[in-house]
Amino acid sequence: MASSRDLFAKLDDSDDAPEADAPSPAKPKAKAKPVKAAEKTSRGTSAEDAYSAADIEVLEGLEPVRRRPGMYIGGTDEGALHHLFAEVLDNSMDEAVAGHANKIEVELTADGFLSVTDNGRGIPVDAHPKFKNKSALEVILTTLHAGGKFNAKTYETSGGLHGVGISVVNALSETLEVEVARNQKLYRQDYSRGLPQGPLAQVGEIKNRRGTKVRFKPDEQIFGKNAHFKPSRLFRMARSKAYLFGGVKIEWACDPSLLEGDSNTPEKETFHFPGGLKDFLESRIEGEERVTNELFTGRVEKVKGHGTVEWAIGWIAGSDGFLQSYCNTVPTPEGGTHETGLRAALLKGLRAFGEMAGHKKMAQITADDILGSAGACSRFSSASRSSRARPRRSCPARRRPASWRGRCAMPSTTG
C-alpha cells in the first residue's frame, strides 16, 4: 500500500500540472454538396436505383376498376357480380323516385345478358360542355365520378352520390349495350370492357318509347369463366326494390332454360306494391298472432327542404322482432341515425302516453322493450347534396338484442 506521503506527493504534482488549453473556436461548416445519385456497387444497382420514377403508374379512365375491382364492388365473388345489377337498377329507381318513371323492366336471357329498362327521362346524349368531342352518355359510362347526382338540382334524392356506378358496370362487363330514347329519337352505343366500340349513333325515330335500356354481360376475365347471374337472387332483389317505392312497377322476365330445378322463381312476374312498406310488412307477418290488428304506419316530408321518412311497424305475439332500414332505397344493414331516430321517437311517444295515462312504470321502458317483439321497416330519403345514402356506422346508443341477429325483414336489394 502506498504511504500517505506518496499520496500527498501525487496531489502536489497534479496541482503543479499546467492547465489544459481552452478549446479552439469551431471551424465553419463546409457547404453541403449536391446529393448525387446512388453509385453502383460492385454487386450491381443499389436499391434506390431499382425504384425510380419509371415505376410510378398513372391509371387513367376505367383502368383502375379493372385492375382493382374489389375497391369498387367489394370483390369478384358472387355477391360482387350481382352488385352490378344493383348499380344499374338503382339508376332506374332514382328516376322513379324523382317522379320521372313508373315502370322498370328486368330481363335475364339464356346467353347470360341482363337488361334493365326504364321509362324515365333517358341519359343525356348531347355533347358535354367540358368534353366537347364526347356525348354526356359516353362521359357517364367511361369516366369515374361523373353523374348528375352531386347536387339536388336534378335528383332531390338518389341511391348514389359518387358517380361511379354505371361506369364500374361498364368497366367490368365483357359487353355493354345502351339505348336511350329521348325527344322521340333512339340512340345506341356499344362498349367492350369499358371502351366504346364506336361513336354514339342515332338509330332512328321512335314515338312510343322513352327512357334508358342497359344490357350487359359480366366479364369472365374478372369474375371467372363459370360466373353467371342467379335468377332467384335477381328476382329477390327486384322485388325488394318494388316494396321500397309504391309508385313503381317492376316487370321481371327470365329465360325458362335458366330456371330448371328452381320452382320458386317464376318465368314472369310483375311487382307493384302501392302501399310500399305497409304492403311488405303485411305479407311478412301474415299468419302471425298480432298484438294490434292495425299496423302503425306513416310518412313525413321535411318542411322547407328535401327529405322524407316512411315507416311500418307491427307487434307480434310470441316472436322475436326484426328491423330493416333503408336510405334512398339502399339497404343500411348497420343502421344509422335514421334508425336511431325511429327508436328514439317510439320510446319518447310511448313514455309520454304512459305519463298522460298515469302509468308510472312506463317511464322505465327502453327502446329494446318496444321493438323486441316488433316487425319494423323504415325508409329514409335525404337530399342527394348532403347524403351518400349508405350510412355505414350506427350510433353508439343503438343496441339490438342477441335474438335479432340473423333476422332480416326484407330481402336485401343486393341479394
Protein backbone atom coordinates (compact mmCIF):
# COMPACT_ATOMS: atom_id res chain seq x y z
CA MET A 1 0.00 0.00 0.00
CA ALA A 2 1.32 3.45 -0.80
CA SER A 3 2.21 5.68 2.18
CA SER A 4 0.32 8.86 2.93
CA ARG A 5 3.40 10.83 1.92
CA ASP A 6 3.33 9.28 -1.53
CA LEU A 7 -0.35 10.10 -1.90
CA PHE A 8 0.11 13.77 -0.99
CA ALA A 9 3.11 13.93 -3.27
CA LYS A 10 0.86 12.89 -6.18
CA LEU A 11 -1.67 15.57 -5.25
CA ASP A 12 1.04 18.19 -5.23
CA ASP A 13 2.24 17.06 -8.62
CA SER A 14 -1.31 17.38 -10.02
CA ASP A 15 -1.63 20.91 -8.66
CA ASP A 16 1.60 21.93 -10.39
CA ALA A 17 0.47 20.49 -13.73
CA PRO A 18 -0.28 23.11 -16.42
CA GLU A 19 -3.95 23.85 -17.12
CA ALA A 20 -5.49 22.39 -20.28
CA ASP A 21 -5.67 24.73 -23.21
CA ALA A 22 -9.06 26.33 -23.86
CA PRO A 23 -10.96 24.74 -26.74
CA SER A 24 -10.32 26.41 -30.07
CA PRO A 25 -13.32 28.05 -31.81
CA ALA A 26 -15.30 25.75 -34.11
CA LYS A 27 -14.40 25.91 -37.77
CA PRO A 28 -17.19 26.98 -40.15
CA LYS A 29 -19.01 24.07 -41.70
CA ALA A 30 -18.30 23.28 -45.27
CA LYS A 31 -21.07 23.98 -47.73
CA ALA A 32 -23.32 20.99 -48.44
CA LYS A 33 -22.61 19.37 -51.75
CA PRO A 34 -25.47 18.41 -54.08
CA VAL A 35 -26.70 14.88 -53.50
CA LYS A 36 -25.53 12.60 -56.26
CA ALA A 37 -27.39 9.58 -57.49
CA ALA A 38 -26.54 6.38 -55.67
CA GLU A 39 -23.39 4.88 -57.12
CA LYS A 40 -23.34 1.38 -58.42
CA THR A 41 -21.68 -1.08 -56.16
CA SER A 42 -19.55 -3.95 -57.22
CA ARG A 43 -22.56 -6.21 -56.76
CA GLY A 44 -24.92 -4.27 -59.07
CA THR A 45 -27.51 -1.48 -58.93
CA SER A 46 -28.40 -0.08 -55.50
CA ALA A 47 -31.90 -0.50 -54.01
CA GLU A 48 -32.63 3.17 -54.63
CA ASP A 49 -31.88 2.86 -58.33
CA ALA A 50 -34.17 -0.16 -58.55
CA TYR A 51 -37.14 2.06 -57.55
CA SER A 52 -37.40 5.09 -59.80
CA ALA A 53 -39.97 7.43 -61.34
CA ALA A 54 -40.48 4.89 -64.09
CA ASP A 55 -42.12 2.59 -61.51
CA ILE A 56 -44.89 5.10 -60.71
CA GLU A 57 -48.03 4.16 -62.66
CA VAL A 58 -50.81 6.55 -63.54
CA LEU A 59 -54.02 4.66 -64.25
CA GLU A 60 -56.47 6.53 -66.47
CA GLY A 61 -60.07 6.11 -67.45
CA LEU A 62 -61.61 2.89 -66.16
CA GLU A 63 -58.32 1.01 -65.86
CA PRO A 64 -58.28 1.33 -62.03
CA VAL A 65 -61.60 -0.51 -61.87
CA ARG A 66 -60.39 -3.45 -63.91
CA ARG A 67 -57.07 -3.55 -62.04
CA ARG A 68 -58.66 -3.41 -58.57
CA PRO A 69 -62.39 -4.28 -58.84
CA GLY A 70 -62.61 -5.02 -55.12
CA MET A 71 -62.24 -1.33 -54.34
CA TYR A 72 -65.44 -0.56 -56.25
CA ILE A 73 -67.75 -3.56 -55.82
CA GLY A 74 -66.20 -5.34 -52.85
CA GLY A 75 -64.54 -8.23 -54.69
CA THR A 76 -65.08 -10.60 -57.60
CA ASP A 77 -67.28 -13.20 -55.90
CA GLU A 78 -70.95 -13.93 -56.47
CA GLY A 79 -72.06 -11.03 -54.29
CA ALA A 80 -69.91 -8.59 -56.23
CA LEU A 81 -71.22 -9.98 -59.52
CA HIS A 82 -74.82 -9.32 -58.51
CA HIS A 83 -73.87 -5.89 -57.21
CA LEU A 84 -73.53 -4.87 -60.86
CA PHE A 85 -77.27 -5.39 -61.22
CA ALA A 86 -77.93 -3.33 -58.10
CA GLU A 87 -75.98 -0.39 -59.54
CA VAL A 88 -77.94 -0.39 -62.79
CA LEU A 89 -81.28 -0.93 -61.06
CA ASP A 90 -80.57 1.91 -58.62
CA ASN A 91 -80.24 4.35 -61.52
CA SER A 92 -83.69 3.41 -62.77
CA MET A 93 -85.12 3.55 -59.26
CA ASP A 94 -83.73 7.07 -58.85
CA GLU A 95 -85.69 8.11 -61.94
CA ALA A 96 -88.83 6.58 -60.44
CA VAL A 97 -88.39 8.16 -57.01
CA ALA A 98 -87.79 11.51 -58.72
CA GLY A 99 -91.18 11.13 -60.41
CA HIS A 100 -89.89 10.68 -63.98
CA ALA A 101 -90.51 6.93 -64.38
CA ASN A 102 -93.13 4.45 -63.23
CA LYS A 103 -92.05 1.22 -64.91
CA ILE A 104 -88.82 -0.79 -64.89
CA GLU A 105 -88.26 -3.99 -66.88
CA VAL A 106 -85.67 -6.59 -65.84
CA GLU A 107 -84.86 -9.44 -68.21
CA LEU A 108 -82.30 -12.26 -67.98
CA THR A 109 -81.67 -14.14 -71.23
CA ALA A 110 -80.12 -17.54 -71.93
CA ASP A 111 -76.89 -16.01 -73.30
CA GLY A 112 -76.08 -14.53 -69.88
CA PHE A 113 -77.08 -10.95 -70.71
CA LEU A 114 -79.08 -8.95 -68.18
CA SER A 115 -81.05 -5.90 -69.23
CA VAL A 116 -82.68 -3.13 -67.21
CA THR A 117 -85.07 -0.76 -68.98
CA ASP A 118 -86.93 2.23 -67.55
CA ASN A 119 -89.32 4.80 -68.97
CA GLY A 120 -87.59 7.79 -67.40
CA ARG A 121 -86.02 10.84 -68.99
CA GLY A 122 -83.15 8.94 -70.60
CA ILE A 123 -79.44 9.67 -70.12
CA PRO A 124 -78.50 12.94 -71.87
CA VAL A 125 -76.90 12.39 -75.27
CA ASP A 126 -75.86 15.92 -76.23
CA ALA A 127 -72.20 16.99 -76.20
CA HIS A 128 -70.76 17.52 -72.75
CA PRO A 129 -69.63 21.13 -72.06
CA LYS A 130 -66.27 20.01 -70.67
CA PHE A 131 -65.60 17.22 -73.18
CA LYS A 132 -66.99 18.65 -76.39
CA ASN A 133 -65.92 15.67 -78.51
CA LYS A 134 -67.94 13.25 -76.33
CA SER A 135 -71.60 12.91 -75.59
CA ALA A 136 -72.76 13.13 -71.99
CA LEU A 137 -73.71 9.46 -72.29
CA GLU A 138 -70.14 8.45 -73.13
CA VAL A 139 -68.73 10.64 -70.36
CA ILE A 140 -71.01 8.98 -67.81
CA LEU A 141 -70.12 5.47 -68.98
CA THR A 142 -66.36 5.95 -69.28
CA THR A 143 -65.44 8.43 -66.55
CA LEU A 144 -65.34 7.80 -62.82
CA HIS A 145 -67.15 10.36 -60.65
CA ALA A 146 -69.30 11.63 -63.49
CA GLY A 147 -73.05 11.92 -62.99
CA GLY A 148 -76.00 14.13 -62.23
CA LYS A 149 -76.40 13.32 -58.52
CA PHE A 150 -73.82 15.54 -56.88
CA ASN A 151 -76.44 18.16 -56.05
CA ALA A 152 -80.20 18.35 -55.60
CA LYS A 153 -80.89 20.13 -58.88
CA THR A 154 -81.51 17.01 -60.97
CA TYR A 155 -82.28 14.48 -58.23
CA GLU A 156 -83.62 15.54 -54.83
CA THR A 157 -82.80 12.07 -53.53
CA SER A 158 -80.74 9.29 -55.03
CA GLY A 159 -79.23 5.92 -54.19
CA GLY A 160 -75.74 7.04 -55.06
CA LEU A 161 -73.68 10.17 -54.99
CA HIS A 162 -70.14 9.22 -56.02
CA GLY A 163 -70.79 8.89 -59.76
CA VAL A 164 -69.06 5.53 -60.25
CA GLY A 165 -71.99 3.09 -60.53
CA ILE A 166 -72.72 2.63 -64.21
CA SER A 167 -69.12 3.33 -65.25
CA VAL A 168 -67.95 0.49 -62.99
CA VAL A 169 -70.52 -1.84 -64.52
CA ASN A 170 -69.24 -0.83 -67.95
CA ALA A 171 -65.62 -1.47 -66.97
CA LEU A 172 -66.37 -4.95 -65.61
CA SER A 173 -68.61 -6.09 -68.47
CA GLU A 174 -67.44 -8.09 -71.45
CA THR A 175 -70.11 -6.29 -73.45
CA LEU A 176 -72.43 -3.44 -72.53
CA GLU A 177 -75.09 -2.01 -74.82
CA VAL A 178 -77.00 1.14 -74.00
CA GLU A 179 -80.06 2.56 -75.75
CA VAL A 180 -81.56 5.96 -74.97
CA ALA A 181 -84.94 7.20 -76.19
CA ARG A 182 -85.20 10.98 -75.92
CA ASN A 183 -87.25 13.52 -77.80
CA GLN A 184 -88.76 10.77 -79.99
CA LYS A 185 -85.32 9.66 -81.19
CA LEU A 186 -83.47 6.43 -80.39
CA TYR A 187 -79.71 6.43 -79.72
CA ARG A 188 -77.37 3.48 -79.21
CA GLN A 189 -73.75 2.85 -78.27
CA ASP A 190 -71.84 -0.38 -77.61
CA TYR A 191 -68.91 -0.93 -75.24
CA SER A 192 -66.44 -3.71 -74.53
CA ARG A 193 -64.62 -3.82 -71.19
CA GLY A 194 -65.24 -0.12 -70.72
CA LEU A 195 -64.14 1.03 -74.16
CA PRO A 196 -66.59 2.43 -76.73
CA GLN A 197 -66.77 0.35 -79.89
CA GLY A 198 -67.88 3.29 -81.95
CA PRO A 199 -69.47 6.71 -81.61
CA LEU A 200 -72.97 7.31 -80.33
CA ALA A 201 -75.34 6.52 -83.19
CA GLN A 202 -78.84 7.78 -83.84
CA VAL A 203 -80.78 4.68 -84.79
CA GLY A 204 -83.91 6.47 -85.91
CA GLU A 205 -87.13 7.99 -84.74
CA ILE A 206 -89.31 6.37 -82.12
CA LYS A 207 -92.60 7.79 -80.85
CA ASN A 208 -93.86 5.26 -78.33
CA ARG A 209 -90.83 4.91 -76.10
CA ARG A 210 -88.63 6.94 -73.79
CA GLY A 211 -86.00 6.20 -71.17
CA THR A 212 -82.82 4.14 -70.91
CA LYS A 213 -82.04 0.49 -71.54
CA VAL A 214 -78.77 -1.05 -70.32
CA ARG A 215 -77.94 -4.58 -71.45
CA PHE A 216 -74.69 -6.13 -70.22
CA LYS A 217 -72.79 -9.36 -69.62
CA PRO A 218 -70.18 -9.62 -66.84
CA ASP A 219 -66.60 -10.16 -67.95
CA GLU A 220 -65.23 -13.68 -67.42
CA GLN A 221 -61.74 -12.21 -67.12
CA ILE A 222 -62.85 -10.53 -63.91
CA PHE A 223 -65.40 -12.90 -62.36
CA GLY A 224 -64.24 -16.25 -63.70
CA LYS A 225 -65.26 -18.49 -66.56
CA ASN A 226 -68.25 -20.05 -64.82
CA ALA A 227 -69.59 -16.86 -63.26
CA HIS A 228 -73.23 -16.17 -64.06
CA PHE A 229 -76.28 -14.44 -62.63
CA LYS A 230 -78.61 -16.46 -60.42
CA PRO A 231 -82.26 -15.89 -61.37
CA SER A 232 -83.52 -16.41 -57.82
CA ARG A 233 -81.20 -13.76 -56.46
CA LEU A 234 -82.06 -11.24 -59.15
CA PHE A 235 -85.75 -11.95 -58.57
CA ARG A 236 -85.49 -11.16 -54.85
CA MET A 237 -83.50 -8.01 -55.49
CA ALA A 238 -86.05 -6.68 -57.97
CA ARG A 239 -88.98 -7.50 -55.69
CA SER A 240 -87.44 -5.77 -52.68
CA LYS A 241 -86.90 -2.59 -54.68
CA ALA A 242 -90.59 -2.54 -55.65
CA TYR A 243 -91.54 -2.72 -51.97
CA LEU A 244 -89.45 0.35 -51.21
CA PHE A 245 -91.30 2.68 -53.54
CA GLY A 246 -95.02 2.25 -54.14
CA GLY A 247 -95.01 4.39 -57.26
CA VAL A 248 -93.05 1.99 -59.44
CA LYS A 249 -93.97 -1.22 -61.27
CA ILE A 250 -91.14 -3.69 -61.92
CA GLU A 251 -91.66 -6.37 -64.57
CA TRP A 252 -89.49 -9.47 -64.27
CA ALA A 253 -88.70 -11.91 -67.09
CA CYS A 254 -86.26 -14.83 -67.26
CA ASP A 255 -85.50 -17.41 -69.93
CA PRO A 256 -87.10 -20.76 -68.93
CA SER A 257 -83.86 -22.66 -69.60
CA LEU A 258 -82.25 -20.83 -66.66
CA LEU A 259 -84.97 -21.91 -64.22
CA GLU A 260 -84.54 -25.67 -64.43
CA GLY A 261 -84.63 -27.08 -60.89
CA ASP A 262 -85.86 -23.77 -59.46
CA SER A 263 -89.56 -23.98 -58.73
CA ASN A 264 -89.67 -20.84 -56.59
CA THR A 265 -88.64 -18.35 -59.28
CA PRO A 266 -91.27 -17.63 -61.93
CA GLU A 267 -90.55 -17.02 -65.58
CA LYS A 268 -92.53 -13.77 -65.49
CA GLU A 269 -93.78 -11.61 -62.65
CA THR A 270 -94.93 -8.05 -62.03
CA PHE A 271 -94.12 -6.31 -58.77
CA HIS A 272 -96.29 -3.41 -57.74
CA PHE A 273 -96.96 -2.51 -54.12
CA PRO A 274 -98.86 0.80 -53.84
CA GLY A 275 -98.70 0.60 -50.04
CA GLY A 276 -94.92 0.35 -50.04
CA LEU A 277 -93.55 -0.76 -46.67
CA LYS A 278 -97.03 -1.46 -45.33
CA ASP A 279 -97.68 -3.99 -48.09
CA PHE A 280 -94.39 -5.67 -47.37
CA LEU A 281 -94.93 -5.93 -43.64
CA GLU A 282 -98.45 -7.28 -44.14
CA SER A 283 -97.05 -10.12 -46.27
CA ARG A 284 -94.09 -10.65 -43.95
CA ILE A 285 -96.11 -11.22 -40.77
CA GLU A 286 -99.11 -12.86 -42.42
CA GLY A 287 -100.37 -15.69 -40.22
CA GLU A 288 -98.61 -14.39 -37.11
CA GLU A 289 -100.59 -13.51 -33.98
CA ARG A 290 -100.52 -9.74 -33.61
CA VAL A 291 -100.68 -7.61 -30.50
CA THR A 292 -102.54 -4.98 -32.51
CA ASN A 293 -104.58 -5.66 -35.62
CA GLU A 294 -103.63 -2.44 -37.35
CA LEU A 295 -100.08 -1.65 -38.38
CA PHE A 296 -98.54 1.61 -37.25
CA THR A 297 -97.54 3.29 -40.49
CA GLY A 298 -96.74 6.79 -41.61
CA ARG A 299 -94.85 9.08 -43.90
CA VAL A 300 -93.48 12.54 -43.16
CA GLU A 301 -91.88 15.01 -45.54
CA LYS A 302 -89.36 17.53 -44.33
CA VAL A 303 -90.76 21.05 -44.22
CA LYS A 304 -88.94 23.57 -46.43
CA GLY A 305 -86.34 21.06 -47.52
CA HIS A 306 -85.59 17.76 -49.20
CA GLY A 307 -86.17 14.54 -47.34
CA THR A 308 -88.86 12.10 -46.24
CA VAL A 309 -89.19 9.29 -43.75
CA GLU A 310 -91.57 6.34 -44.06
CA TRP A 311 -92.19 3.54 -41.59
CA ALA A 312 -94.34 0.48 -40.90
CA ILE A 313 -94.41 -1.28 -37.54
CA GLY A 314 -96.42 -4.20 -36.21
CA TRP A 315 -96.13 -6.01 -32.89
CA ILE A 316 -96.08 -9.80 -32.98
CA ALA A 317 -97.04 -12.00 -30.04
CA GLY A 318 -94.51 -14.64 -29.04
CA SER A 319 -91.93 -13.91 -31.76
CA ASP A 320 -88.64 -12.12 -31.95
CA GLY A 321 -88.68 -8.77 -33.66
CA PHE A 322 -86.82 -7.53 -36.69
CA LEU A 323 -85.88 -4.15 -38.02
CA GLN A 324 -84.83 -3.38 -41.59
CA SER A 325 -83.94 0.12 -42.66
CA TYR A 326 -83.17 1.77 -45.97
CA CYS A 327 -81.82 5.12 -47.04
CA ASN A 328 -82.81 6.34 -50.53
CA THR A 329 -83.85 2.75 -51.45
CA VAL A 330 -80.41 1.40 -50.45
CA PRO A 331 -80.25 -1.10 -47.54
CA THR A 332 -78.44 0.02 -44.39
CA PRO A 333 -77.76 -3.24 -42.52
CA GLU A 334 -75.59 -1.47 -39.95
CA GLY A 335 -78.26 1.08 -39.16
CA GLY A 336 -77.52 4.76 -38.78
CA THR A 337 -79.02 7.94 -37.39
CA HIS A 338 -82.27 7.27 -39.25
CA GLU A 339 -82.73 4.02 -37.31
CA THR A 340 -81.67 5.62 -34.06
CA GLY A 341 -84.17 8.42 -34.62
CA LEU A 342 -87.03 5.96 -35.20
CA ARG A 343 -86.24 4.10 -31.99
CA ALA A 344 -85.96 7.33 -30.01
CA ALA A 345 -89.26 8.68 -31.39
CA LEU A 346 -91.15 5.50 -30.49
CA LEU A 347 -89.68 5.49 -27.00
CA LYS A 348 -90.49 9.14 -26.42
CA GLY A 349 -94.05 8.78 -27.69
CA LEU A 350 -94.92 5.73 -25.60
CA ARG A 351 -93.37 7.21 -22.46
CA ALA A 352 -95.37 10.38 -23.00
CA PHE A 353 -98.55 8.35 -23.41
CA GLY A 354 -97.80 6.40 -20.24
CA GLU A 355 -97.30 9.58 -18.28
CA MET A 356 -100.53 11.04 -19.63
CA ALA A 357 -102.45 7.83 -18.80
CA GLY A 358 -100.98 7.64 -15.30
CA HIS A 359 -98.85 4.52 -15.85
CA LYS A 360 -95.73 5.39 -13.86
CA LYS A 361 -93.86 2.23 -14.85
CA MET A 362 -93.90 3.34 -18.49
CA ALA A 363 -91.05 5.69 -17.64
CA GLN A 364 -88.80 2.63 -17.18
CA ILE A 365 -89.29 1.06 -20.60
CA THR A 366 -86.49 1.04 -23.16
CA ALA A 367 -86.36 1.02 -26.95
CA ASP A 368 -85.47 -2.68 -26.86
CA ASP A 369 -88.62 -3.37 -24.86
CA ILE A 370 -90.67 -1.67 -27.56
CA LEU A 371 -89.00 -3.19 -30.63
CA GLY A 372 -88.02 -6.57 -29.16
CA SER A 373 -91.22 -8.16 -30.48
CA ALA A 374 -91.97 -5.75 -33.30
CA GLY A 375 -91.66 -6.17 -37.01
CA ALA A 376 -90.41 -2.82 -38.26
CA CYS A 377 -89.39 -1.37 -41.61
CA SER A 378 -88.25 2.16 -42.26
CA ARG A 379 -87.06 4.12 -45.26
CA PHE A 380 -85.37 7.48 -45.11
CA SER A 381 -84.87 9.75 -48.10
CA SER A 382 -82.36 12.56 -47.85
CA ALA A 383 -81.24 15.29 -50.21
CA SER A 384 -78.58 14.00 -52.58
CA ARG A 385 -76.46 17.06 -51.94
CA SER A 386 -75.98 16.17 -48.29
CA SER A 387 -76.06 12.39 -48.01
CA ARG A 388 -74.23 9.48 -49.55
CA ALA A 389 -77.25 7.27 -48.86
CA ARG A 390 -75.12 4.46 -47.45
CA PRO A 391 -74.52 5.20 -43.75
CA ARG A 392 -72.12 2.53 -42.54
CA ARG A 393 -71.79 3.23 -38.82
CA SER A 394 -74.58 3.23 -36.30
CA CYS A 395 -74.98 5.45 -33.28
CA PRO A 396 -73.33 4.00 -30.11
CA ALA A 397 -76.73 4.18 -28.40
CA ARG A 398 -78.14 1.66 -30.88
CA ARG A 399 -78.17 -1.84 -29.42
CA ARG A 400 -80.04 -4.83 -30.79
CA PRO A 401 -80.90 -7.85 -28.66
CA ALA A 402 -79.00 -11.01 -29.44
CA SER A 403 -82.23 -12.61 -30.59
CA TRP A 404 -82.37 -10.17 -33.51
CA ARG A 405 -79.16 -11.44 -35.07
CA GLY A 406 -79.61 -13.17 -38.37
CA ARG A 407 -83.19 -11.98 -38.79
CA CYS A 408 -83.99 -9.80 -41.75
CA ALA A 409 -87.25 -8.12 -42.52
CA MET A 410 -86.76 -7.77 -46.23
CA PRO A 411 -84.67 -9.50 -48.88
CA SER A 412 -81.56 -7.45 -49.37
CA THR A 413 -81.53 -5.40 -52.54
CA THR A 414 -78.02 -6.72 -53.12
CA GLY A 415 -79.13 -10.31 -52.86
